[in-house]
Amino acid sequence: EVQLVESGGGLVQAGGSLRLSCAASGFTFDDVAIGWFRQAPGKEREGVSCISSGDGTTYYADSVKGRFTIASDNAKNTVYLQMNSLKPEDTAVYYCAIGEYCSGSPWGYWGQGTQVTVSS
């Protein structure tokens, strides 16, 4: 079965750091896009970052550029999101998803999410 499991969320003070992991089973990361999304209570889901496993191209939302870094370990079927200089506005449930490419592709598989809470 295809499964995505996010981990690494938690409670952190503003300015702190967390590293999220997205571990996949049931398929490999070769030539796919892995995206990180987040959804805060009462708000729309938004894209945070994406990486193309084939060529390593990365994308970031303007709100996280310079603070977040996405990386993939294709051999381990795992994608990481290093989050530094966290702000209260980063508080959300973070999800990873698998698609064909980072720009406008359907996202066919989703994890259950991991909660990130940033206190002021």
Protein backbone atom coordinates (compact mmCIF):
# COMPACT_ATOMS: atom_id res chain seq x y z
CA GLU A 1 0.00 0.00 0.00
CA VAL A 2 1.04 3.60 -0.57
CA GLN A 3 1.55 5.44 2.67
CA LEU A 4 2.98 8.82 3.64
CA VAL A 5 3.77 9.55 7.27
CA GLU A 6 4.77 12.99 8.52
CA SER A 7 6.67 13.42 11.74
CA GLY A 8 8.73 16.00 13.58
CA GLY A 9 6.07 18.52 14.52
CA GLY A 10 5.73 19.97 17.95
CA LEU A 11 5.66 23.11 20.04
CA VAL A 12 8.46 25.62 19.61
CA GLN A 13 9.13 29.21 20.59
CA ALA A 14 9.27 31.90 17.94
CA GLY A 15 12.72 31.96 16.41
CA GLY A 16 13.23 28.26 16.98
CA SER A 17 13.61 25.39 14.55
CA LEU A 18 11.96 22.10 13.66
CA ARG A 19 12.69 19.47 11.06
CA LEU A 20 9.76 17.64 9.53
CA SER A 21 10.07 14.29 7.82
CA CYS A 22 7.85 12.65 5.23
CA ALA A 23 8.47 8.93 4.96
CA ALA A 24 6.93 7.09 2.04
CA SER A 25 6.23 3.42 1.52
CA GLY A 26 4.73 1.53 -1.37
CA PHE A 27 6.59 3.45 -4.09
CA THR A 28 9.88 5.19 -4.72
CA PHE A 29 10.64 8.89 -5.04
CA ASP A 30 12.21 8.63 -8.49
CA ASP A 31 10.75 11.19 -10.92
CA VAL A 32 8.01 12.50 -8.69
CA ALA A 33 7.23 15.75 -6.96
CA ILE A 34 6.98 15.88 -3.20
CA GLY A 35 5.20 18.88 -1.78
CA TRP A 36 4.77 20.27 1.68
CA PHE A 37 1.51 22.02 2.47
CA ARG A 38 0.04 23.54 5.58
CA GLN A 39 -3.37 24.45 6.86
CA ALA A 40 -4.12 26.65 9.84
CA PRO A 41 -7.52 26.59 11.56
CA GLY A 42 -10.07 28.53 9.55
CA LYS A 43 -7.71 29.09 6.64
CA GLU A 44 -7.17 27.61 3.22
CA ARG A 45 -4.51 25.01 2.65
CA GLU A 46 -1.41 26.55 1.13
CA GLY A 47 1.66 25.22 -0.56
CA VAL A 48 4.87 25.67 1.39
CA SER A 49 7.59 23.95 -0.60
CA CYS A 50 8.13 21.34 -3.28
CA ILE A 51 10.98 19.29 -4.65
CA SER A 52 11.28 17.36 -7.89
CA SER A 53 13.07 14.14 -7.03
CA GLY A 54 14.34 13.62 -10.57
CA ASP A 55 16.44 16.78 -10.89
CA GLY A 56 16.32 18.24 -7.38
CA THR A 57 14.59 21.47 -8.36
CA THR A 58 13.02 23.16 -5.35
CA TYR A 59 10.27 25.70 -4.83
CA TYR A 60 9.30 27.80 -1.84
CA ALA A 61 6.41 30.00 -0.94
CA ASP A 62 7.43 33.62 -0.55
CA SER A 63 6.47 33.50 3.11
CA VAL A 64 9.10 30.87 3.92
CA LYS A 65 11.96 31.70 1.55
CA GLY A 66 15.21 32.01 3.41
CA ARG A 67 13.83 30.22 6.45
CA PHE A 68 12.75 26.76 5.22
CA THR A 69 14.78 24.22 3.28
CA ILE A 70 13.43 21.12 1.55
CA ALA A 71 15.61 18.11 0.82
CA SER A 72 15.01 14.59 -0.41
CA ASP A 73 16.75 11.32 0.25
CA ASN A 74 15.50 9.23 -2.62
CA ALA A 75 17.21 6.06 -1.43
CA LYS A 76 15.28 6.28 1.83
CA ASN A 77 12.04 7.52 0.27
CA THR A 78 12.09 10.41 2.69
CA VAL A 79 11.71 14.17 2.28
CA TYR A 80 12.64 16.67 4.95
CA LEU A 81 11.55 20.20 5.65
CA GLN A 82 14.00 22.12 7.81
CA MET A 83 12.20 25.07 9.35
CA ASN A 84 14.26 27.82 10.94
CA SER A 85 13.37 31.21 12.39
CA LEU A 86 9.84 30.03 13.00
CA LYS A 87 7.08 32.57 13.44
CA PRO A 88 3.64 32.26 15.05
CA GLU A 89 2.12 32.54 11.57
CA ASP A 90 3.79 29.24 10.71
CA THR A 91 1.46 27.46 13.13
CA ALA A 92 -0.50 24.88 11.16
CA VAL A 93 -0.89 21.22 10.38
CA TYR A 94 1.78 20.33 7.84
CA TYR A 95 1.14 17.70 5.19
CA CYS A 96 3.29 16.10 2.55
CA ALA A 97 1.91 14.94 -0.77
CA ILE A 98 3.08 13.19 -3.92
CA GLY A 99 2.39 14.38 -7.45
CA GLU A 100 3.87 14.32 -10.93
CA TYR A 101 5.53 17.73 -10.91
CA CYS A 102 5.67 20.76 -8.66
CA SER A 103 3.84 23.23 -10.91
CA GLY A 104 0.15 22.53 -11.09
CA SER A 105 0.05 18.77 -10.90
CA PRO A 106 -2.62 16.80 -9.09
CA TRP A 107 -1.53 15.58 -5.68
CA GLY A 108 -2.59 11.97 -5.55
CA TYR A 109 -1.32 10.88 -2.15
CA TRP A 110 -1.37 12.69 1.17
CA GLY A 111 -0.11 12.02 4.64
CA GLN A 112 -2.15 12.52 7.78
CA GLY A 113 -0.29 15.65 8.85
CA THR A 114 1.83 16.76 11.76
CA GLN A 115 1.04 19.71 14.00
CA VAL A 116 3.47 22.61 14.25
CA THR A 117 2.75 25.21 16.92
CA VAL A 118 4.91 28.31 17.29
CA SER A 119 4.41 30.39 20.40
CA SER A 120 5.24 34.06 20.70
